[in-house]
Amino acid sequence: MKNIVRTLRTARGWSQQDLADKLDVSRQSVNAIETGKYDPSLPLAFALARLFGRSIEDLFDDGTSVAEAAE
């Protein structure tokens, strides 16, 4: 799943470890989310959205359109 987590994190001057500490996860988890190797759990996605002041949909793109998702 594509996301803008790295862009938002670096814009704030945070390291992966800084973000991991704020989310109470490992730095490896942050790296895996940023590189699309791991999709976060729903609670973690909500925590990311709250932390960055964005909606989950702003942060993550699963590549499907609204019409495709409704089918």
PDB file of N, CA and C in Angstrom:
ATOM      1  N   MET A   1       0.849  -1.170   0.000  1.00  0.00           N
ATOM      2  CA  MET A   1       0.000   0.000   0.000  1.00  0.00           C
ATOM      3  C   MET A   1       0.901   1.241   0.000  1.00  0.00           C
ATOM      4  N   LYS A   2       0.623   2.145  -0.904  1.00  0.00           N
ATOM      5  CA  LYS A   2       1.402   3.380  -0.967  1.00  0.00           C
ATOM      6  C   LYS A   2       0.995   4.301   0.182  1.00  0.00           C
ATOM      7  N   ASN A   3       1.966   5.093   0.650  1.00  0.00           N
ATOM      8  CA  ASN A   3       1.655   6.025   1.723  1.00  0.00           C
ATOM      9  C   ASN A   3       2.623   7.203   1.685  1.00  0.00           C
ATOM     10  N   ILE A   4       2.277   8.243   2.451  1.00  0.00           N
ATOM     11  CA  ILE A   4       3.104   9.451   2.514  1.00  0.00           C
ATOM     12  C   ILE A   4       3.725   9.635   3.898  1.00  0.00           C
ATOM     13  N   VAL A   5       3.845   8.558   4.637  1.00  0.00           N
ATOM     14  CA  VAL A   5       4.371   8.631   5.997  1.00  0.00           C
ATOM     15  C   VAL A   5       5.795   9.187   5.996  1.00  0.00           C
ATOM     16  N   ARG A   6       6.656   8.684   5.118  1.00  0.00           N
ATOM     17  CA  ARG A   6       8.041   9.165   5.085  1.00  0.00           C
ATOM     18  C   ARG A   6       8.089  10.662   4.793  1.00  0.00           C
ATOM     19  N   THR A   7       7.298  11.110   3.837  1.00  0.00           N
ATOM     20  CA  THR A   7       7.270  12.534   3.476  1.00  0.00           C
ATOM     21  C   THR A   7       6.863  13.393   4.667  1.00  0.00           C
ATOM     22  N   LEU A   8       5.813  12.973   5.365  1.00  0.00           N
ATOM     23  CA  LEU A   8       5.340  13.737   6.522  1.00  0.00           C
ATOM     24  C   LEU A   8       6.350  13.701   7.666  1.00  0.00           C
ATOM     25  N   ARG A   9       6.955  12.545   7.867  1.00  0.00           N
ATOM     26  CA  ARG A   9       7.948  12.409   8.936  1.00  0.00           C
ATOM     27  C   ARG A   9       9.161  13.303   8.681  1.00  0.00           C
ATOM     28  N   THR A  10       9.696  13.248   7.472  1.00  0.00           N
ATOM     29  CA  THR A  10      10.898  14.033   7.176  1.00  0.00           C
ATOM     30  C   THR A  10      10.591  15.529   7.161  1.00  0.00           C
ATOM     31  N   ALA A  11       9.371  15.904   6.776  1.00  0.00           N
ATOM     32  CA  ALA A  11       8.997  17.320   6.793  1.00  0.00           C
ATOM     33  C   ALA A  11       9.034  17.886   8.208  1.00  0.00           C
ATOM     34  N   ARG A  12       8.836  17.029   9.190  1.00  0.00           N
ATOM     35  CA  ARG A  12       8.885  17.460  10.595  1.00  0.00           C
ATOM     36  C   ARG A  12      10.283  17.316  11.195  1.00  0.00           C
ATOM     37  N   GLY A  13      11.200  16.778  10.422  1.00  0.00           N
ATOM     38  CA  GLY A  13      12.562  16.612  10.912  1.00  0.00           C
ATOM     39  C   GLY A  13      12.727  15.450  11.869  1.00  0.00           C
ATOM     40  N   TRP A  14      11.802  14.503  11.821  1.00  0.00           N
ATOM     41  CA  TRP A  14      11.850  13.357  12.712  1.00  0.00           C
ATOM     42  C   TRP A  14      12.601  12.207  12.061  1.00  0.00           C
ATOM     43  N   SER A  15      13.359  11.482  12.849  1.00  0.00           N
ATOM     44  CA  SER A  15      13.968  10.237  12.381  1.00  0.00           C
ATOM     45  C   SER A  15      12.914   9.133  12.467  1.00  0.00           C
ATOM     46  N   GLN A  16      13.230   7.993  11.881  1.00  0.00           N
ATOM     47  CA  GLN A  16      12.320   6.855  12.028  1.00  0.00           C
ATOM     48  C   GLN A  16      12.179   6.483  13.496  1.00  0.00           C
ATOM     49  N   GLN A  17      13.270   6.594  14.253  1.00  0.00           N
ATOM     50  CA  GLN A  17      13.203   6.270  15.677  1.00  0.00           C
ATOM     51  C   GLN A  17      12.320   7.257  16.429  1.00  0.00           C
ATOM     52  N   ASP A  18      12.388   8.544  16.064  1.00  0.00           N
ATOM     53  CA  ASP A  18      11.519   9.543  16.697  1.00  0.00           C
ATOM     54  C   ASP A  18      10.050   9.170  16.498  1.00  0.00           C
ATOM     55  N   LEU A  19       9.695   8.828  15.258  1.00  0.00           N
ATOM     56  CA  LEU A  19       8.305   8.461  14.965  1.00  0.00           C
ATOM     57  C   LEU A  19       7.931   7.175  15.700  1.00  0.00           C
ATOM     58  N   ALA A  20       8.831   6.215  15.699  1.00  0.00           N
ATOM     59  CA  ALA A  20       8.573   4.952  16.405  1.00  0.00           C
ATOM     60  C   ALA A  20       8.301   5.204  17.881  1.00  0.00           C
ATOM     61  N   ASP A  21       9.084   6.076  18.501  1.00  0.00           N
ATOM     62  CA  ASP A  21       8.888   6.401  19.912  1.00  0.00           C
ATOM     63  C   ASP A  21       7.527   7.042  20.155  1.00  0.00           C
ATOM     64  N   LYS A  22       7.113   7.924  19.257  1.00  0.00           N
ATOM     65  CA  LYS A  22       5.816   8.593  19.399  1.00  0.00           C
ATOM     66  C   LYS A  22       4.651   7.604  19.264  1.00  0.00           C
ATOM     67  N   LEU A  23       4.862   6.547  18.463  1.00  0.00           N
ATOM     68  CA  LEU A  23       3.811   5.561  18.206  1.00  0.00           C
ATOM     69  C   LEU A  23       3.923   4.322  19.084  1.00  0.00           C
ATOM     70  N   ASP A  24       5.014   4.232  19.866  1.00  0.00           N
ATOM     71  CA  ASP A  24       5.279   3.065  20.707  1.00  0.00           C
ATOM     72  C   ASP A  24       5.385   1.785  19.879  1.00  0.00           C
ATOM     73  N   VAL A  25       6.138   1.896  18.764  1.00  0.00           N
ATOM     74  CA  VAL A  25       6.441   0.738  17.921  1.00  0.00           C
ATOM     75  C   VAL A  25       7.951   0.738  17.670  1.00  0.00           C
ATOM     76  N   SER A  26       8.449  -0.272  16.993  1.00  0.00           N
ATOM     77  CA  SER A  26       9.877  -0.331  16.698  1.00  0.00           C
ATOM     78  C   SER A  26      10.213   0.522  15.471  1.00  0.00           C
ATOM     79  N   ARG A  27      11.488   0.904  15.368  1.00  0.00           N
ATOM     80  CA  ARG A  27      11.945   1.633  14.189  1.00  0.00           C
ATOM     81  C   ARG A  27      11.765   0.773  12.947  1.00  0.00           C
ATOM     82  N   GLN A  28      11.949  -0.532  13.096  1.00  0.00           N
ATOM     83  CA  GLN A  28      11.772  -1.446  11.971  1.00  0.00           C
ATOM     84  C   GLN A  28      10.336  -1.437  11.476  1.00  0.00           C
ATOM     85  N   SER A  29       9.384  -1.283  12.374  1.00  0.00           N
ATOM     86  CA  SER A  29       7.978  -1.201  11.968  1.00  0.00           C
ATOM     87  C   SER A  29       7.728   0.059  11.152  1.00  0.00           C
ATOM     88  N   VAL A  30       8.297   1.171  11.584  1.00  0.00           N
ATOM     89  CA  VAL A  30       8.155   2.420  10.834  1.00  0.00           C
ATOM     90  C   VAL A  30       8.751   2.263   9.443  1.00  0.00           C
ATOM     91  N   ASN A  31       9.937   1.670   9.372  1.00  0.00           N
ATOM     92  CA  ASN A  31      10.583   1.455   8.076  1.00  0.00           C
ATOM     93  C   ASN A  31       9.726   0.572   7.183  1.00  0.00           C
ATOM     94  N   ALA A  32       9.169  -0.494   7.725  1.00  0.00           N
ATOM     95  CA  ALA A  32       8.346  -1.408   6.937  1.00  0.00           C
ATOM     96  C   ALA A  32       7.071  -0.724   6.428  1.00  0.00           C
ATOM     97  N   ILE A  33       6.481   0.138   7.240  1.00  0.00           N
ATOM     98  CA  ILE A  33       5.296   0.883   6.801  1.00  0.00           C
ATOM     99  C   ILE A  33       5.674   1.843   5.686  1.00  0.00           C
ATOM    100  N   GLU A  34       6.759   2.589   5.883  1.00  0.00           N
ATOM    101  CA  GLU A  34       7.180   3.578   4.888  1.00  0.00           C
ATOM    102  C   GLU A  34       7.518   2.949   3.542  1.00  0.00           C
ATOM    103  N   THR A  35       8.085   1.758   3.563  1.00  0.00           N
ATOM    104  CA  THR A  35       8.480   1.105   2.316  1.00  0.00           C
ATOM    105  C   THR A  35       7.369   0.240   1.724  1.00  0.00           C
ATOM    106  N   GLY A  36       6.220   0.178   2.393  1.00  0.00           N
ATOM    107  CA  GLY A  36       5.092  -0.584   1.883  1.00  0.00           C
ATOM    108  C   GLY A  36       5.203  -2.077   2.091  1.00  0.00           C
ATOM    109  N   LYS A  37       6.143  -2.514   2.919  1.00  0.00           N
ATOM    110  CA  LYS A  37       6.306  -3.944   3.193  1.00  0.00           C
ATOM    111  C   LYS A  37       5.316  -4.438   4.242  1.00  0.00           C
ATOM    112  N   TYR A  38       4.732  -3.495   4.959  1.00  0.00           N
ATOM    113  CA  TYR A  38       3.815  -3.834   6.049  1.00  0.00           C
ATOM    114  C   TYR A  38       2.695  -2.809   6.066  1.00  0.00           C
ATOM    115  N   ASP A  39       1.457  -3.283   6.110  1.00  0.00           N
ATOM    116  CA  ASP A  39       0.306  -2.399   6.271  1.00  0.00           C
ATOM    117  C   ASP A  39      -0.014  -2.319   7.759  1.00  0.00           C
ATOM    118  N   PRO A  40      -0.122  -1.115   8.292  1.00  0.00           N
ATOM    119  CA  PRO A  40      -0.347  -0.996   9.733  1.00  0.00           C
ATOM    120  C   PRO A  40      -1.727  -1.503  10.129  1.00  0.00           C
ATOM    121  N   SER A  41      -1.832  -1.904  11.379  1.00  0.00           N
ATOM    122  CA  SER A  41      -3.136  -2.264  11.935  1.00  0.00           C
ATOM    123  C   SER A  41      -4.019  -1.012  11.926  1.00  0.00           C
ATOM    124  N   LEU A  42      -5.305  -1.207  12.050  1.00  0.00           N
ATOM    125  CA  LEU A  42      -6.215  -0.064  12.069  1.00  0.00           C
ATOM    126  C   LEU A  42      -5.911   0.884  13.230  1.00  0.00           C
ATOM    127  N   PRO A  43      -5.679   0.376  14.452  1.00  0.00           N
ATOM    128  CA  PRO A  43      -5.326   1.312  15.541  1.00  0.00           C
ATOM    129  C   PRO A  43      -4.051   2.099  15.243  1.00  0.00           C
ATOM    130  N   LEU A  44      -3.052   1.459  14.638  1.00  0.00           N
ATOM    131  CA  LEU A  44      -1.823   2.163  14.302  1.00  0.00           C
ATOM    132  C   LEU A  44      -2.058   3.174  13.187  1.00  0.00           C
ATOM    133  N   ALA A  45      -2.882   2.832  12.214  1.00  0.00           N
ATOM    134  CA  ALA A  45      -3.212   3.781  11.146  1.00  0.00           C
ATOM    135  C   ALA A  45      -3.917   5.009  11.726  1.00  0.00           C
ATOM    136  N   PHE A  46      -4.827   4.805  12.671  1.00  0.00           N
ATOM    137  CA  PHE A  46      -5.498   5.933  13.321  1.00  0.00           C
ATOM    138  C   PHE A  46      -4.490   6.776  14.110  1.00  0.00           C
ATOM    139  N   ALA A  47      -3.560   6.128  14.790  1.00  0.00           N
ATOM    140  CA  ALA A  47      -2.539   6.858  15.559  1.00  0.00           C
ATOM    141  C   ALA A  47      -1.677   7.709  14.630  1.00  0.00           C
ATOM    142  N   LEU A  48      -1.286   7.156  13.491  1.00  0.00           N
ATOM    143  CA  LEU A  48      -0.517   7.927  12.504  1.00  0.00           C
ATOM    144  C   LEU A  48      -1.323   9.119  12.004  1.00  0.00           C
ATOM    145  N   ALA A  49      -2.583   8.890  11.679  1.00  0.00           N
ATOM    146  CA  ALA A  49      -3.436   9.961  11.177  1.00  0.00           C
ATOM    147  C   ALA A  49      -3.586  11.080  12.207  1.00  0.00           C
ATOM    148  N   ARG A  50      -3.813  10.726  13.459  1.00  0.00           N
ATOM    149  CA  ARG A  50      -3.935  11.734  14.525  1.00  0.00           C
ATOM    150  C   ARG A  50      -2.629  12.495  14.701  1.00  0.00           C
ATOM    151  N   LEU A  51      -1.518  11.775  14.709  1.00  0.00           N
ATOM    152  CA  LEU A  51      -0.210  12.394  14.914  1.00  0.00           C
ATOM    153  C   LEU A  51       0.100  13.428  13.830  1.00  0.00           C
ATOM    154  N   PHE A  52      -0.250  13.116  12.581  1.00  0.00           N
ATOM    155  CA  PHE A  52       0.036  14.018  11.473  1.00  0.00           C
ATOM    156  C   PHE A  52      -1.120  14.969  11.145  1.00  0.00           C
ATOM    157  N   GLY A  53      -2.235  14.838  11.859  1.00  0.00           N
ATOM    158  CA  GLY A  53      -3.372  15.726  11.623  1.00  0.00           C
ATOM    159  C   GLY A  53      -4.001  15.524  10.260  1.00  0.00           C
ATOM    160  N   ARG A  54      -4.028  14.300   9.810  1.00  0.00           N
ATOM    161  CA  ARG A  54      -4.584  13.938   8.499  1.00  0.00           C
ATOM    162  C   ARG A  54      -5.579  12.802   8.664  1.00  0.00           C
ATOM    163  N   SER A  55      -6.334  12.530   7.611  1.00  0.00           N
ATOM    164  CA  SER A  55      -7.209  11.360   7.624  1.00  0.00           C
ATOM    165  C   SER A  55      -6.395  10.143   7.188  1.00  0.00           C
ATOM    166  N   ILE A  56      -6.875   8.979   7.518  1.00  0.00           N
ATOM    167  CA  ILE A  56      -6.208   7.751   7.087  1.00  0.00           C
ATOM    168  C   ILE A  56      -6.127   7.718   5.562  1.00  0.00           C
ATOM    169  N   GLU A  57      -7.190   8.157   4.900  1.00  0.00           N
ATOM    170  CA  GLU A  57      -7.213   8.160   3.440  1.00  0.00           C
ATOM    171  C   GLU A  57      -6.151   9.090   2.859  1.00  0.00           C
ATOM    172  N   ASP A  58      -5.825  10.166   3.581  1.00  0.00           N
ATOM    173  CA  ASP A  58      -4.755  11.064   3.127  1.00  0.00           C
ATOM    174  C   ASP A  58      -3.393  10.383   3.212  1.00  0.00           C
ATOM    175  N   LEU A  59      -3.217   9.538   4.219  1.00  0.00           N
ATOM    176  CA  LEU A  59      -1.926   8.896   4.442  1.00  0.00           C
ATOM    177  C   LEU A  59      -1.694   7.672   3.564  1.00  0.00           C
ATOM    178  N   PHE A  60      -2.748   6.905   3.315  1.00  0.00           N
ATOM    179  CA  PHE A  60      -2.599   5.614   2.639  1.00  0.00           C
ATOM    180  C   PHE A  60      -3.464   5.536   1.390  1.00  0.00           C
ATOM    181  N   ASP A  61      -2.908   4.915   0.354  1.00  0.00           N
ATOM    182  CA  ASP A  61      -3.622   4.704  -0.907  1.00  0.00           C
ATOM    183  C   ASP A  61      -3.475   3.236  -1.282  1.00  0.00           C
ATOM    184  N   ASP A  62      -4.598   2.520  -1.303  1.00  0.00           N
ATOM    185  CA  ASP A  62      -4.534   1.099  -1.633  1.00  0.00           C
ATOM    186  C   ASP A  62      -4.618   0.847  -3.130  1.00  0.00           C
ATOM    187  N   GLY A  63      -4.707   1.905  -3.920  1.00  0.00           N
ATOM    188  CA  GLY A  63      -4.699   1.756  -5.370  1.00  0.00           C
ATOM    189  C   GLY A  63      -6.043   1.442  -5.995  1.00  0.00           C
ATOM    190  N   THR A  64      -7.106   1.398  -5.196  1.00  0.00           N
ATOM    191  CA  THR A  64      -8.420   1.143  -5.761  1.00  0.00           C
ATOM    192  C   THR A  64      -9.242   2.427  -5.757  1.00  0.00           C
ATOM    193  N   SER A  65     -10.118   2.522  -6.713  1.00  0.00           N
ATOM    194  CA  SER A  65     -11.010   3.681  -6.763  1.00  0.00           C
ATOM    195  C   SER A  65     -12.199   3.427  -5.841  1.00  0.00           C
ATOM    196  N   VAL A  66     -12.967   4.472  -5.595  1.00  0.00           N
ATOM    197  CA  VAL A  66     -14.148   4.338  -4.741  1.00  0.00           C
ATOM    198  C   VAL A  66     -15.128   3.354  -5.367  1.00  0.00           C
ATOM    199  N   ALA A  67     -15.297   3.406  -6.672  1.00  0.00           N
ATOM    200  CA  ALA A  67     -16.215   2.500  -7.367  1.00  0.00           C
ATOM    201  C   ALA A  67     -15.761   1.040  -7.213  1.00  0.00           C
ATOM    202  N   GLU A  68     -14.455   0.799  -7.325  1.00  0.00           N
ATOM    203  CA  GLU A  68     -13.937  -0.561  -7.183  1.00  0.00           C
ATOM    204  C   GLU A  68     -14.113  -1.059  -5.752  1.00  0.00           C
ATOM    205  N   ALA A  69     -13.917  -0.201  -4.789  1.00  0.00           N
ATOM    206  CA  ALA A  69     -14.045  -0.583  -3.387  1.00  0.00           C
ATOM    207  C   ALA A  69     -15.486  -0.924  -3.031  1.00  0.00           C
ATOM    208  N   ALA A  70     -16.456  -0.306  -3.717  1.00  0.00           N
ATOM    209  CA  ALA A  70     -17.859  -0.527  -3.423  1.00  0.00           C
ATOM    210  C   ALA A  70     -18.373  -1.852  -3.992  1.00  0.00           C
ATOM    211  N   GLU A  71     -17.647  -2.414  -4.929  1.00  0.00           N
ATOM    212  CA  GLU A  71     -18.113  -3.662  -5.580  1.00  0.00           C
ATOM    213  C   GLU A  71     -17.955  -4.872  -4.721  1.00  0.00           C
TER     214      GLU A  71
END
